[in-house]
Protein backbone atom coordinates (compact mmCIF):
# COMPACT_ATOMS: atom_id res chain seq x y z
CA MET A 1 18.67 -23.70 -0.76
CA LYS A 2 16.37 -23.68 -3.76
CA ARG A 3 17.98 -24.09 -7.15
CA ASP A 4 15.89 -21.27 -8.62
CA ASN A 5 18.43 -18.92 -10.23
CA LYS A 6 16.70 -15.72 -9.06
CA MET A 7 16.61 -17.00 -5.48
CA ASN A 8 20.27 -18.00 -5.59
CA ILE A 9 21.25 -14.55 -6.82
CA ASP A 10 19.29 -12.86 -4.04
CA TYR A 11 20.80 -15.14 -1.41
CA LEU A 12 24.29 -14.60 -2.77
CA LYS A 13 23.81 -10.81 -2.74
CA GLU A 14 22.75 -10.89 0.91
CA ALA A 15 25.59 -13.29 1.77
CA SER A 16 27.98 -10.83 0.14
CA GLN A 17 26.57 -8.07 2.35
CA ILE A 18 27.07 -10.24 5.43
CA PHE A 19 30.72 -10.82 4.49
CA LYS A 20 31.15 -7.06 4.03
CA LEU A 21 29.74 -6.55 7.53
CA LEU A 22 32.09 -9.16 8.92
CA SER A 23 35.09 -7.55 7.23
CA ASN A 24 35.01 -4.77 9.86
CA GLU A 25 37.13 -5.58 12.92
CA THR A 26 34.97 -3.45 15.24
CA ARG A 27 31.80 -5.29 14.22
CA LEU A 28 33.56 -8.64 14.69
CA LYS A 29 34.61 -7.62 18.21
CA MET A 30 31.02 -6.59 18.95
CA LEU A 31 29.57 -9.89 17.76
CA VAL A 32 32.08 -11.91 19.76
CA THR A 33 31.44 -9.77 22.86
CA LEU A 34 27.70 -10.36 22.51
CA GLU A 35 28.19 -14.12 22.29
CA ASN A 36 27.22 -14.94 25.87
CA LYS A 37 24.92 -12.17 27.04
CA ALA A 38 22.99 -9.06 26.12
CA ILE A 39 24.92 -5.83 26.70
CA SER A 40 23.99 -2.15 26.71
CA VAL A 41 25.65 0.33 24.36
CA ASN A 42 27.43 1.95 27.32
CA GLU A 43 28.87 -1.35 28.51
CA LEU A 44 29.88 -2.41 25.00
CA SER A 45 31.52 0.98 24.47
CA ALA A 46 33.50 0.60 27.70
CA ARG A 47 34.52 -3.00 27.02
CA LEU A 48 35.75 -2.25 23.51
CA ASN A 49 37.10 1.22 24.31
CA ILE A 50 35.12 2.73 21.43
CA GLU A 51 33.08 5.94 21.40
CA GLN A 52 29.44 5.32 22.26
CA SER A 53 28.25 6.99 19.04
CA ALA A 54 30.46 4.66 16.96
CA VAL A 55 29.13 1.62 18.84
CA SER A 56 25.54 2.73 18.27
CA HIS A 57 26.21 3.28 14.56
CA GLN A 58 27.79 -0.15 14.10
CA LEU A 59 25.02 -1.85 16.07
CA SER A 60 22.37 -0.25 13.88
CA ILE A 61 24.11 -1.69 10.81
CA LEU A 62 24.27 -5.15 12.40
CA LYS A 63 20.61 -4.90 13.39
CA LYS A 64 19.56 -4.00 9.85
CA HIS A 65 20.98 -7.33 8.66
CA GLN A 66 19.47 -9.28 11.57
CA LEU A 67 22.77 -10.09 13.25
CA VAL A 68 21.81 -8.38 16.51
CA ASP A 69 18.51 -7.63 18.17
CA THR A 70 17.47 -5.39 21.05
CA ASN A 71 15.60 -5.67 24.31
CA ARG A 72 14.52 -2.58 26.23
CA VAL A 73 14.68 -2.68 30.02
CA GLY A 74 13.46 0.63 31.39
CA LYS A 75 15.49 3.33 29.68
CA LEU A 76 18.32 1.00 28.67
CA ILE A 77 18.49 -0.93 25.42
CA TYR A 78 20.39 -4.19 25.51
CA TYR A 79 21.86 -5.75 22.37
CA ARG A 80 22.23 -9.47 21.84
CA LEU A 81 23.02 -11.78 18.97
CA ASP A 82 19.95 -12.29 16.82
CA ASP A 83 21.51 -15.16 14.90
CA PRO A 84 24.14 -16.92 17.03
CA HIS A 85 25.26 -19.21 14.22
CA ILE A 86 26.90 -16.18 12.59
CA LEU A 87 29.69 -16.86 15.09
CA ASP A 88 30.28 -20.20 13.34
CA ILE A 89 31.38 -18.19 10.31
CA VAL A 90 33.52 -15.91 12.47
CA ASN A 91 35.13 -18.85 14.28
CA GLU A 92 35.92 -20.61 10.99
CA ALA A 93 37.58 -17.44 9.69
CA VAL A 94 39.60 -17.13 12.90
CA GLN A 95 40.73 -20.76 12.59
CA HIS A 96 41.79 -20.15 9.01
CA SER A 97 43.64 -17.00 10.10
CA SER A 98 45.49 -19.04 12.69
CA HIS A 99 46.81 -21.35 9.96
CA VAL A 100 47.89 -18.41 7.83
CA ILE A 101 49.60 -16.53 10.67
CA ARG A 102 51.47 -19.64 11.81
CA GLY A 103 52.39 -20.49 8.23
CA LYS A 104 50.89 -23.95 8.61
CA LYS A 105 48.85 -25.96 6.17
CA HIS A 106 45.44 -27.10 7.27
CA GLY A 107 45.70 -30.29 9.26
CA GLU A 108 49.23 -29.56 10.51
């Protein structure tokens, strides 16, 4: 990352937005579900047991920040991860959560 102060501030602002997106459990479930394959809104709704309109709304938010992308096949739109390394962040947070929940220090 460039050391230019203006650039750093812009990057940090966007990173803050990404963390806000990831603070929503529904969006986390969606990202993890999309890890291995593209899925339609209907299928994602069924898998997560969430109203289709809520799924569509959350997916549009994730798409705005380039975390998911779409592919149209006929009338269906399939969603997939646009930036798979976002799951690295999610997995690190889950690992940290595991330590906290078990009451263990890191490395134990």
